[in-house]
């Protein structure tokens, strides 16, 4: 326990749901292990289920024992941590639930003889975000702007209009500084290392621009289908579920201008500037910039898998996209006319998230023709998952009497330098919430700017339904026509290795 941290009450709406079980509670347990949890601390889980405190603790222990970095967890360590838990049965739409929550918070404040900070984590369907925030306000739980804050998960709205509407509801009871919009990708170690790699090494910043970079490719591929999320996913699709948040966040970190200082709003300002510089896609030209797809039956790891329309809670004639490939341009001095290729999809051949910075070819090859048969231009590959690494690919002479060039990799792999599993993204981000550090969280103008980039695509797709779904087999790298996005520039899609 940490006496330097502020006393904290961490209330989780949906506290016995899948997110809390898999991510939030294991992350809080790991923070306890790292001595980041304050001395006065309480976790209040709120749900409509009939559970005793003990039943709730037993259920959450199973998640911690499975997903914590410290697993397997011994009973003594868990017994100490589990004392933080209190269960509150209630209806999220009833004011009585929030009055009960306030009474519990007041009782703990009185017991501790100190005013705690109140963190309200909404691990609920997004449709409840607005209503919960309003009821928190009515119950007086949001009154102290300094001590209370609210955390919401993506998706933040379903389009620009709904995002603005949600902002208005949230702002009725919370100031912008109290609202933490969480995107777990920003908590991943390799993602956080992008800024360190770019701006802490003078070697790379001078070549990180249109003069040397040929293109940037960002891939977030998943082997899994929609699993148990069919009901949500069939209304969202890959563009809303992944492109609007995860991939746009990665574009910001790769392409933003250097920050003056490592202060939350300074970094957020740079990200917003970058999003505003993305060239608008004309509605009538969407097909020239974006390819969508939906997986059909296929084979992954030698196992036959069904198509998207066969998934649980998915309409048998669904036109929801499970794959998106997109080409973007950033109109500023650094990146003018450098294409950014973004790709995300489900039922891909492998689970991988990576960023490729592809450099231009040398202006003149001085070596004999036979020396460069395997020539590849230099590139930097930042692997976010599954194996966190940063790789610089260069040309080197192959041993022997002749001058033969061969691509070789200079690699920094996290597991070669750091022992043990890396902190989970939620562990990092929940620690930041408790420290009231908004650096790794999205500000509302950033959310709106990302939606503005994608609104022409949503508009075009709403008018023109796909006629070829499903158009890629599970276990492949998406529809064949993704190559049309690259042909004009003479590029080829680099599938993860």
Protein backbone atom coordinates (compact mmCIF):
# COMPACT_ATOMS: atom_id res chain seq x y z
CA UNK A 1 0.00 0.00 0.00
CA UNK A 2 1.16 3.53 -0.78
CA UNK A 3 0.74 6.32 1.76
CA UNK A 4 1.64 8.92 -0.90
CA UNK A 5 -1.37 8.16 -3.11
CA UNK A 6 -4.67 9.89 -2.44
CA UNK A 7 -7.38 7.83 -0.70
CA UNK A 8 -9.56 6.39 -3.46
CA UNK A 9 -12.97 4.82 -3.92
CA UNK A 10 -13.09 2.95 -7.22
CA UNK A 11 -16.69 2.26 -8.25
CA UNK A 12 -17.20 -0.11 -11.19
CA UNK A 13 -20.60 -0.07 -12.89
CA UNK A 14 -20.91 -3.54 -14.40
CA UNK A 15 -18.49 -4.74 -11.75
CA UNK A 16 -19.14 -8.45 -12.25
CA UNK A 17 -19.15 -8.28 -16.05
CA UNK A 18 -16.56 -9.65 -18.45
CA UNK A 19 -14.44 -6.48 -18.62
CA UNK A 20 -14.15 -6.22 -14.85
CA UNK A 21 -13.44 -9.95 -14.53
CA UNK A 22 -10.78 -10.15 -17.26
CA UNK A 23 -9.15 -6.73 -17.14
CA UNK A 24 -10.10 -4.21 -14.46
CA UNK A 25 -9.86 -6.24 -11.26
CA UNK A 26 -6.70 -8.15 -12.34
CA UNK A 27 -5.14 -4.77 -13.22
CA UNK A 28 -6.03 -3.32 -9.82
CA UNK A 29 -4.59 -6.42 -8.16
CA UNK A 30 -1.33 -5.94 -10.07
CA UNK A 31 -1.23 -2.28 -9.03
CA UNK A 32 -1.52 -3.43 -5.44
CA UNK A 33 1.44 -5.74 -6.01
CA UNK A 34 3.42 -2.79 -7.41
CA UNK A 35 2.63 -0.71 -4.30
CA UNK A 36 0.59 1.84 -6.26
CA UNK A 37 -2.74 1.31 -4.48
CA UNK A 38 -3.23 3.92 -1.71
CA UNK A 39 -3.48 2.97 1.94
CA UNK A 40 -7.15 3.95 2.03
CA UNK A 41 -8.76 2.18 -0.89
CA UNK A 42 -12.10 0.59 -1.70
CA UNK A 43 -13.57 -1.09 -4.77
CA UNK A 44 -17.36 -0.93 -5.00
CA UNK A 45 -18.75 -3.17 -7.73
CA UNK A 46 -22.26 -2.36 -8.88
CA UNK A 47 -24.52 -4.77 -10.73
CA UNK A 48 -28.14 -5.99 -10.82
CA UNK A 49 -27.19 -9.57 -9.81
CA UNK A 50 -28.12 -11.06 -6.45
CA UNK A 51 -24.71 -11.58 -4.84
CA UNK A 52 -23.21 -11.43 -1.39
CA UNK A 53 -19.83 -9.76 -0.86
CA UNK A 54 -18.28 -13.19 -0.44
CA UNK A 55 -19.85 -14.61 -3.62
CA UNK A 56 -18.60 -11.60 -5.54
CA UNK A 57 -15.06 -12.00 -4.17
CA UNK A 58 -14.99 -15.68 -5.12
CA UNK A 59 -16.07 -14.86 -8.67
CA UNK A 60 -13.51 -12.06 -9.10
CA UNK A 61 -10.75 -14.25 -7.65
CA UNK A 62 -11.19 -16.62 -10.58
CA UNK A 63 -10.51 -13.75 -13.01
CA UNK A 64 -7.49 -12.48 -11.07
CA UNK A 65 -6.06 -15.98 -10.80
CA UNK A 66 -6.36 -16.37 -14.56
CA UNK A 67 -5.42 -12.95 -15.93
CA UNK A 68 -3.18 -11.24 -13.36
CA UNK A 69 0.56 -10.90 -14.04
CA UNK A 70 1.05 -12.42 -10.58
CA UNK A 71 -0.96 -15.58 -11.30
CA UNK A 72 -1.22 -18.07 -9.75
CA UNK A 73 -2.30 -15.99 -6.78
CA UNK A 74 -1.84 -17.35 -3.27
CA UNK A 75 -4.72 -17.18 -0.80
CA UNK A 76 -2.89 -14.91 1.64
CA UNK A 77 -2.25 -12.22 -0.99
CA UNK A 78 -5.81 -12.43 -2.28
CA UNK A 79 -7.30 -12.32 1.22
CA UNK A 80 -5.54 -9.01 1.85
CA UNK A 81 -6.63 -7.52 -1.50
CA UNK A 82 -10.20 -8.82 -1.37
CA UNK A 83 -10.95 -6.74 1.71
CA UNK A 84 -11.18 -3.73 -0.58
CA UNK A 85 -14.31 -5.13 -2.23
CA UNK A 86 -17.89 -4.20 -1.50
CA UNK A 87 -20.85 -5.23 -3.59
CA UNK A 88 -23.82 -3.00 -4.33
CA UNK A 89 -26.88 -4.45 -6.01
CA UNK A 90 -28.75 -1.84 -7.97
CA UNK A 91 -30.47 -0.74 -11.14
CA UNK A 92 -28.28 1.58 -13.24
CA UNK A 93 -31.42 3.53 -14.23
CA UNK A 94 -32.66 4.11 -10.68
CA UNK A 95 -31.62 7.13 -8.61
CA UNK A 96 -31.84 4.95 -5.46
CA UNK A 97 -28.73 3.05 -6.61
CA UNK A 98 -26.72 6.26 -6.70
CA UNK A 99 -28.03 7.46 -3.37
CA UNK A 100 -26.93 4.12 -1.87
CA UNK A 101 -23.53 4.55 -3.52
CA UNK A 102 -23.16 8.05 -2.10
CA UNK A 103 -24.03 6.81 1.38
CA UNK A 104 -21.31 4.15 1.13
CA UNK A 105 -18.79 6.71 -0.09
CA UNK A 106 -19.68 9.09 2.75
CA UNK A 107 -19.36 6.26 5.28
CA UNK A 108 -15.88 5.35 4.03
CA UNK A 109 -14.84 9.01 4.09
CA UNK A 110 -15.99 9.25 7.69
CA UNK A 111 -14.23 5.99 8.60
CA UNK A 112 -10.95 7.09 6.99
CA UNK A 113 -11.27 10.64 8.36
CA UNK A 114 -10.15 11.99 5.00
CA UNK A 115 -11.88 12.98 1.77
CA UNK A 116 -11.29 10.32 -0.94
CA UNK A 117 -11.20 10.79 -4.69
CA UNK A 118 -14.14 9.09 -6.39
CA UNK A 119 -13.56 7.21 -9.65
CA UNK A 120 -16.59 5.93 -11.54
CA UNK A 121 -15.69 3.34 -14.17
CA UNK A 122 -18.49 2.62 -16.64
CA UNK A 123 -17.89 -0.99 -17.72
CA UNK A 124 -21.35 -0.99 -19.26
CA UNK A 125 -22.88 -0.84 -22.74
CA UNK A 126 -22.20 2.63 -24.23
CA UNK A 127 -25.94 3.34 -24.41
CA UNK A 128 -25.87 3.79 -20.61
CA UNK A 129 -22.99 6.30 -20.44
CA UNK A 130 -25.19 9.38 -20.61
CA UNK A 131 -27.84 8.17 -18.18
CA UNK A 132 -25.32 6.99 -15.57
CA UNK A 133 -23.45 10.31 -15.70
CA UNK A 134 -26.72 12.23 -15.21
CA UNK A 135 -27.73 10.13 -12.20
CA UNK A 136 -24.27 10.49 -10.67
CA UNK A 137 -24.83 14.24 -10.90
CA UNK A 138 -28.32 14.09 -9.38
CA UNK A 139 -27.00 12.08 -6.43
CA UNK A 140 -24.28 14.67 -5.77
CA UNK A 141 -21.44 12.27 -6.61
CA UNK A 142 -20.00 14.57 -9.29
CA UNK A 143 -20.26 17.78 -7.31
CA UNK A 144 -16.59 18.08 -6.33
CA UNK A 145 -14.73 18.76 -9.59
CA UNK A 146 -11.37 18.12 -7.96
CA UNK A 147 -12.12 14.77 -6.37
CA UNK A 148 -14.51 12.96 -8.73
CA UNK A 149 -13.90 11.64 -12.24
CA UNK A 150 -15.61 9.33 -14.70
CA UNK A 151 -14.03 6.73 -17.01
CA UNK A 152 -15.77 5.55 -20.18
CA UNK A 153 -14.76 2.88 -22.69
CA UNK A 154 -14.84 3.15 -26.46
CA UNK A 155 -16.81 3.38 -28.63
CA UNK A 156 -17.44 7.06 -27.89
CA UNK A 157 -20.60 7.42 -29.94
CA UNK A 158 -21.44 5.75 -33.24
CA UNK A 159 -20.79 8.80 -35.44
CA UNK A 160 -19.94 12.48 -35.12
CA UNK A 161 -23.47 13.53 -34.15
CA UNK A 162 -23.84 10.95 -31.38
CA UNK A 163 -20.35 11.74 -30.10
CA UNK A 164 -21.25 15.43 -29.76
CA UNK A 165 -24.54 14.54 -28.07
CA UNK A 166 -22.73 12.33 -25.52
CA UNK A 167 -20.25 15.13 -24.86
CA UNK A 168 -23.11 17.49 -24.06
CA UNK A 169 -24.67 15.04 -21.59
CA UNK A 170 -21.36 14.32 -19.87
CA UNK A 171 -20.49 18.02 -19.64
CA UNK A 172 -23.74 18.72 -17.76
CA UNK A 173 -22.20 17.02 -14.72
CA UNK A 174 -18.46 16.65 -15.36
CA UNK A 175 -15.83 19.04 -16.61
CA UNK A 176 -13.54 17.88 -19.42
CA UNK A 177 -10.67 17.42 -16.94
CA UNK A 178 -12.81 14.87 -15.04
CA UNK A 179 -13.65 12.73 -18.07
CA UNK A 180 -11.25 9.92 -18.94
CA UNK A 181 -12.01 8.30 -22.31
CA UNK A 182 -10.01 5.11 -22.22
CA UNK A 183 -8.49 3.36 -25.22
CA UNK A 184 -6.50 0.40 -23.93
CA UNK A 185 -4.14 0.53 -26.92
CA UNK A 186 -2.61 3.69 -25.48
CA UNK A 187 -1.57 1.77 -22.37
CA UNK A 188 0.47 -0.83 -24.25
CA UNK A 189 4.19 -0.54 -23.60
CA UNK A 190 5.18 -0.55 -27.28
CA UNK A 191 2.62 2.12 -28.11
CA UNK A 192 3.91 4.34 -25.32
CA UNK A 193 7.42 3.70 -26.57
CA UNK A 194 6.65 5.27 -29.97
CA UNK A 195 7.11 8.75 -28.51
CA UNK A 196 10.32 7.73 -26.74
CA UNK A 197 11.66 6.12 -29.91
CA UNK A 198 10.87 9.18 -32.03
CA UNK A 199 11.76 12.06 -29.74
CA UNK A 200 14.40 10.69 -27.36
CA UNK A 201 16.72 9.61 -30.19
CA UNK A 202 18.16 12.30 -32.45
CA UNK A 203 19.04 9.57 -34.94
CA UNK A 204 15.45 9.09 -36.16
CA UNK A 205 13.69 12.44 -35.99
CA UNK A 206 15.62 14.02 -38.92
CA UNK A 207 14.52 11.22 -41.30
CA UNK A 208 10.94 10.93 -40.00
CA UNK A 209 9.36 12.92 -42.84
CA UNK A 210 8.32 13.02 -46.50
CA UNK A 211 11.91 13.43 -47.73
CA UNK A 212 12.91 9.95 -46.55
CA UNK A 213 9.70 8.02 -45.82
CA UNK A 214 7.99 6.32 -48.77
CA UNK A 215 4.87 5.25 -46.86
CA UNK A 216 3.56 4.16 -43.47
CA UNK A 217 1.51 0.97 -42.98
CA UNK A 218 -0.41 0.20 -39.80
CA UNK A 219 -1.99 -3.23 -39.34
CA UNK A 220 -4.18 -4.47 -36.49
CA UNK A 221 -5.17 -8.04 -37.36
CA UNK A 222 -7.15 -10.49 -35.26
CA UNK A 223 -7.43 -14.25 -35.66
CA UNK A 224 -10.64 -14.38 -33.65
CA UNK A 225 -14.10 -13.75 -35.01
CA UNK A 226 -16.66 -11.76 -33.04
CA UNK A 227 -16.96 -14.44 -30.33
CA UNK A 228 -19.70 -13.45 -27.84
CA UNK A 229 -19.85 -9.82 -29.10
CA UNK A 230 -22.09 -10.46 -32.10
CA UNK A 231 -24.94 -8.33 -30.81
CA UNK A 232 -22.65 -5.30 -30.39
CA UNK A 233 -20.40 -5.91 -33.37
CA UNK A 234 -23.20 -6.30 -35.91
CA UNK A 235 -24.26 -2.72 -35.11
CA UNK A 236 -20.70 -1.35 -35.07
CA UNK A 237 -18.42 -3.04 -37.59
CA UNK A 238 -14.66 -2.74 -38.03
CA UNK A 239 -14.68 0.96 -38.96
CA UNK A 240 -16.34 2.04 -35.71
CA UNK A 241 -14.88 -0.69 -33.51
CA UNK A 242 -11.22 -0.37 -34.52
CA UNK A 243 -10.47 2.28 -37.13
CA UNK A 244 -12.03 5.30 -35.38
CA UNK A 245 -10.09 4.76 -32.17
CA UNK A 246 -7.20 2.27 -32.11
CA UNK A 247 -5.78 2.92 -35.57
CA UNK A 248 -6.36 6.67 -35.47
CA UNK A 249 -4.51 6.77 -32.16
CA UNK A 250 -1.56 4.99 -33.74
CA UNK A 251 -1.57 7.40 -36.69
CA UNK A 252 -1.41 10.29 -34.22
CA UNK A 253 1.57 8.87 -32.34
CA UNK A 254 3.50 8.01 -35.50
CA UNK A 255 2.84 11.29 -37.32
CA UNK A 256 2.38 14.05 -34.71
CA UNK A 257 4.84 16.90 -34.33
CA UNK A 258 7.31 16.97 -31.41
CA UNK A 259 5.78 18.08 -28.13
CA UNK A 260 7.34 20.89 -26.13
CA UNK A 261 6.88 19.01 -22.86
CA UNK A 262 5.40 15.75 -21.61
CA UNK A 263 2.23 17.41 -20.35
CA UNK A 264 -1.20 15.93 -21.02
CA UNK A 265 -2.71 18.81 -22.97
CA UNK A 266 0.48 19.50 -24.91
CA UNK A 267 0.49 15.93 -26.27
CA UNK A 268 -3.26 15.99 -26.87
CA UNK A 269 -2.95 19.27 -28.78
CA UNK A 270 -0.39 17.73 -31.12
CA UNK A 271 -2.68 14.76 -31.77
CA UNK A 272 -5.64 17.00 -32.57
CA UNK A 273 -3.50 19.12 -34.91
CA UNK A 274 -2.51 15.96 -36.75
CA UNK A 275 -6.11 14.74 -37.13
CA UNK A 276 -7.15 18.14 -38.48
CA UNK A 277 -4.39 17.85 -41.11
CA UNK A 278 -5.70 14.55 -42.54
CA UNK A 279 -6.94 15.18 -46.06
CA UNK A 280 -10.76 14.83 -46.25
CA UNK A 281 -11.99 11.91 -48.34
CA UNK A 282 -14.63 13.07 -50.86
CA UNK A 283 -17.82 11.04 -50.46
CA UNK A 284 -17.93 10.29 -54.18
CA UNK A 285 -14.32 8.96 -54.08
CA UNK A 286 -14.56 6.71 -51.02
CA UNK A 287 -14.05 3.55 -53.10
CA UNK A 288 -10.66 4.91 -54.21
CA UNK A 289 -9.51 5.26 -50.60
CA UNK A 290 -11.29 2.53 -48.63
CA UNK A 291 -11.92 -1.21 -49.08
CA UNK A 292 -14.35 -3.08 -46.84
CA UNK A 293 -14.78 -6.80 -46.38
CA UNK A 294 -16.59 -9.51 -44.48
CA UNK A 295 -15.15 -12.95 -43.77
CA UNK A 296 -16.72 -16.15 -44.99
CA UNK A 297 -15.90 -19.74 -44.15
CA UNK A 298 -12.23 -20.65 -44.07
CA UNK A 299 -9.37 -22.37 -42.28
CA UNK A 300 -7.25 -20.99 -39.43
CA UNK A 301 -4.53 -23.09 -37.80
CA UNK A 302 -5.76 -26.12 -39.76
CA UNK A 303 -9.22 -25.73 -38.22
CA UNK A 304 -12.32 -24.99 -40.27
CA UNK A 305 -14.19 -21.90 -39.06
CA UNK A 306 -17.55 -20.47 -40.05
CA UNK A 307 -18.30 -17.20 -41.76
CA UNK A 308 -19.37 -13.99 -40.04
CA UNK A 309 -23.03 -14.46 -40.94
CA UNK A 310 -22.98 -17.77 -39.06
CA UNK A 311 -21.77 -16.20 -35.82
CA UNK A 312 -24.01 -16.05 -32.74
CA UNK A 313 -26.33 -13.02 -32.64
CA UNK A 314 -25.36 -11.93 -36.18
CA UNK A 315 -28.04 -11.43 -38.83
CA UNK A 316 -27.83 -14.14 -41.54
CA UNK A 317 -27.86 -11.44 -44.25
CA UNK A 318 -25.65 -8.96 -42.36
CA UNK A 319 -23.73 -6.36 -44.37
CA UNK A 320 -21.53 -5.36 -41.43
CA UNK A 321 -17.85 -5.10 -42.36
CA UNK A 322 -15.28 -7.18 -40.45
CA UNK A 323 -12.36 -5.78 -42.46
CA UNK A 324 -11.32 -2.25 -43.48
CA UNK A 325 -8.29 -1.09 -45.45
CA UNK A 326 -7.83 2.64 -45.89
CA UNK A 327 -5.43 5.08 -47.52
CA UNK A 328 -4.95 8.49 -45.90
CA UNK A 329 -2.83 11.55 -46.63
CA UNK A 330 -1.72 14.19 -44.14
CA UNK A 331 -1.52 17.67 -45.55
CA UNK A 332 1.33 19.31 -43.67
CA UNK A 333 5.01 20.06 -44.16
CA UNK A 334 6.22 16.79 -42.65
CA UNK A 335 3.99 14.30 -44.45
CA UNK A 336 2.66 15.91 -47.64
CA UNK A 337 1.83 13.18 -50.21
CA UNK A 338 3.15 10.31 -48.05
CA UNK A 339 0.40 7.66 -48.01
CA UNK A 340 -0.66 6.08 -44.71
CA UNK A 341 -2.13 2.61 -45.25
CA UNK A 342 -4.35 1.34 -42.44
CA UNK A 343 -5.73 -2.18 -42.21
CA UNK A 344 -7.78 -4.00 -39.59
CA UNK A 345 -9.74 -7.20 -39.80
CA UNK A 346 -11.06 -10.27 -38.05
CA UNK A 347 -10.29 -13.90 -38.90
CA UNK A 348 -6.86 -12.98 -40.25
CA UNK A 349 -4.09 -15.61 -40.54
CA UNK A 350 -2.42 -14.35 -37.37
CA UNK A 351 -2.96 -12.05 -34.41
CA UNK A 352 -0.66 -9.10 -34.89
CA UNK A 353 -0.50 -5.33 -34.48
CA UNK A 354 2.40 -3.56 -36.14
CA UNK A 355 3.53 -0.27 -37.68
CA UNK A 356 5.87 -0.18 -40.68
CA UNK A 357 7.82 2.94 -41.57
CA UNK A 358 8.98 2.19 -45.11
CA UNK A 359 11.87 4.36 -46.28
CA UNK A 360 12.53 5.37 -49.86
CA UNK A 361 15.09 3.52 -51.96
CA UNK A 362 18.59 4.95 -52.19
CA UNK A 363 18.83 7.45 -55.07
CA UNK A 364 21.65 5.56 -56.79
CA UNK A 365 22.79 1.94 -56.44
CA UNK A 366 26.56 1.77 -56.73
CA UNK A 367 26.80 -2.01 -56.36
CA UNK A 368 26.93 -4.59 -59.16
CA UNK A 369 23.54 -5.79 -60.38
CA UNK A 370 24.03 -9.29 -58.95
CA UNK A 371 24.86 -7.79 -55.56
CA UNK A 372 21.38 -6.42 -55.04
CA UNK A 373 19.09 -9.21 -56.22
CA UNK A 374 17.51 -9.34 -52.74
CA UNK A 375 17.48 -5.58 -52.31
CA UNK A 376 14.87 -4.16 -49.95
CA UNK A 377 14.61 -0.55 -48.88
CA UNK A 378 15.19 0.09 -45.20
CA UNK A 379 12.22 0.01 -42.88
CA UNK A 380 11.35 0.26 -39.20
CA UNK A 381 8.84 -2.24 -37.86
CA UNK A 382 7.20 -1.51 -34.50
CA UNK A 383 5.45 -4.65 -33.27
CA UNK A 384 2.79 -3.96 -30.66
CA UNK A 385 1.59 -7.55 -30.30
CA UNK A 386 2.07 -10.44 -29.85
CA UNK A 387 5.84 -10.01 -29.36
CA UNK A 388 6.66 -6.43 -28.44
CA UNK A 389 9.66 -5.33 -30.45
CA UNK A 390 11.19 -2.61 -32.61
CA UNK A 391 13.11 -3.77 -35.68
CA UNK A 392 15.29 -1.80 -38.09
CA UNK A 393 15.78 -3.61 -41.41
CA UNK A 394 18.91 -2.64 -43.35
CA UNK A 395 21.08 -4.00 -46.16
CA UNK A 396 24.33 -5.76 -45.22
CA UNK A 397 26.99 -7.71 -47.10
CA UNK A 398 26.58 -11.45 -47.02
CA UNK A 399 29.80 -13.26 -45.90
CA UNK A 400 31.86 -14.57 -48.81
CA UNK A 401 34.22 -13.46 -51.57
CA UNK A 402 31.53 -11.66 -53.61
CA UNK A 403 29.69 -8.44 -52.85
CA UNK A 404 26.18 -9.79 -52.19
CA UNK A 405 23.69 -7.73 -50.22
CA UNK A 406 21.05 -9.19 -47.97
CA UNK A 407 18.40 -7.64 -45.69
CA UNK A 408 19.23 -8.07 -41.99
CA UNK A 409 17.38 -6.97 -38.87
CA UNK A 410 18.62 -4.94 -35.93
CA UNK A 411 16.11 -5.73 -33.22
CA UNK A 412 15.11 -4.54 -29.78
CA UNK A 413 12.85 -7.12 -28.17
CA UNK A 414 11.28 -6.32 -24.82
CA UNK A 415 11.64 -9.85 -23.50
CA UNK A 416 15.39 -9.82 -24.14
CA UNK A 417 15.86 -6.84 -21.85
CA UNK A 418 13.07 -7.05 -19.27
CA UNK A 419 12.23 -10.03 -17.11
CA UNK A 420 8.67 -11.16 -16.52
CA UNK A 421 5.44 -10.22 -18.27
CA UNK A 422 4.92 -6.59 -19.26
CA UNK A 423 2.28 -4.56 -17.42
CA UNK A 424 -1.17 -4.94 -18.92
CA UNK A 425 -2.45 -1.83 -20.67
CA UNK A 426 -5.26 -1.46 -18.14
CA UNK A 427 -2.79 -1.62 -15.27
CA UNK A 428 -0.96 1.38 -16.68
CA UNK A 429 -4.09 3.35 -17.51
CA UNK A 430 -5.92 2.71 -14.22
CA UNK A 431 -2.82 3.88 -12.39
CA UNK A 432 -2.91 7.07 -14.48
CA UNK A 433 -6.60 7.62 -13.63
CA UNK A 434 -5.80 7.41 -9.92
CA UNK A 435 -2.93 9.87 -10.41
CA UNK A 436 -5.29 12.14 -12.39
CA UNK A 437 -2.93 12.02 -15.37
CA UNK A 438 -4.85 12.40 -18.63
CA UNK A 439 -1.85 12.10 -20.98
CA UNK A 440 -2.88 8.71 -22.39
CA UNK A 441 -6.59 9.48 -22.64
CA UNK A 442 -8.61 11.00 -25.46
CA UNK A 443 -9.89 14.54 -25.21
CA UNK A 444 -13.30 15.25 -26.72
CA UNK A 445 -11.97 17.35 -29.60
CA UNK A 446 -9.72 14.45 -30.55
CA UNK A 447 -12.68 12.07 -30.61
CA UNK A 448 -14.65 14.49 -32.81
CA UNK A 449 -11.72 15.06 -35.16
CA UNK A 450 -11.34 11.30 -35.67
CA UNK A 451 -15.06 10.97 -36.44
CA UNK A 452 -14.83 13.80 -38.99
CA UNK A 453 -12.17 11.85 -40.89
CA UNK A 454 -14.46 8.83 -41.17
CA UNK A 455 -17.86 10.43 -41.69
CA UNK A 456 -17.56 10.55 -45.52
CA UNK A 457 -16.94 6.78 -45.45
CA UNK A 458 -19.97 6.11 -43.26
CA UNK A 459 -22.09 8.35 -45.48
CA UNK A 460 -20.99 6.61 -48.68
CA UNK A 461 -21.49 3.14 -47.18
CA UNK A 462 -24.97 4.02 -45.92
CA UNK A 463 -25.98 4.81 -49.52
CA UNK A 464 -24.22 1.89 -51.20
CA UNK A 465 -24.63 -1.51 -49.58
CA UNK A 466 -21.95 -4.12 -50.40
CA UNK A 467 -22.99 -6.63 -53.04
CA UNK A 468 -20.11 -9.09 -52.68
CA UNK A 469 -20.16 -10.02 -48.96
CA UNK A 470 -18.60 -12.29 -47.80
CA UNK A 471 -15.59 -11.38 -49.93
CA UNK A 472 -12.63 -12.95 -48.13
CA UNK A 473 -12.14 -16.36 -46.59
CA UNK A 474 -11.27 -16.68 -42.92
CA UNK A 475 -7.54 -17.25 -42.63
CA UNK A 476 -6.59 -14.87 -45.47
CA UNK A 477 -5.38 -11.26 -45.51
CA UNK A 478 -8.67 -9.74 -46.62
CA UNK A 479 -10.29 -8.98 -50.00
CA UNK A 480 -8.05 -9.19 -53.07
CA UNK A 481 -8.97 -5.70 -54.22
CA UNK A 482 -7.02 -4.04 -51.37
CA UNK A 483 -4.12 -3.84 -53.82
CA UNK A 484 -5.97 -1.11 -55.72
CA UNK A 485 -5.26 1.28 -52.84
CA UNK A 486 -1.53 0.93 -53.47
CA UNK A 487 -1.23 0.59 -57.24
CA UNK A 488 -1.13 4.32 -57.98
CA UNK A 489 1.98 4.72 -55.84
CA UNK A 490 3.59 1.49 -56.99
CA UNK A 491 3.46 0.00 -53.49
CA UNK A 492 2.54 -3.48 -52.36
CA UNK A 493 0.82 -4.46 -49.15
CA UNK A 494 3.30 -5.81 -46.64
CA UNK A 495 1.51 -8.56 -44.74
CA UNK A 496 2.92 -9.16 -41.25
CA UNK A 497 5.77 -11.66 -41.21
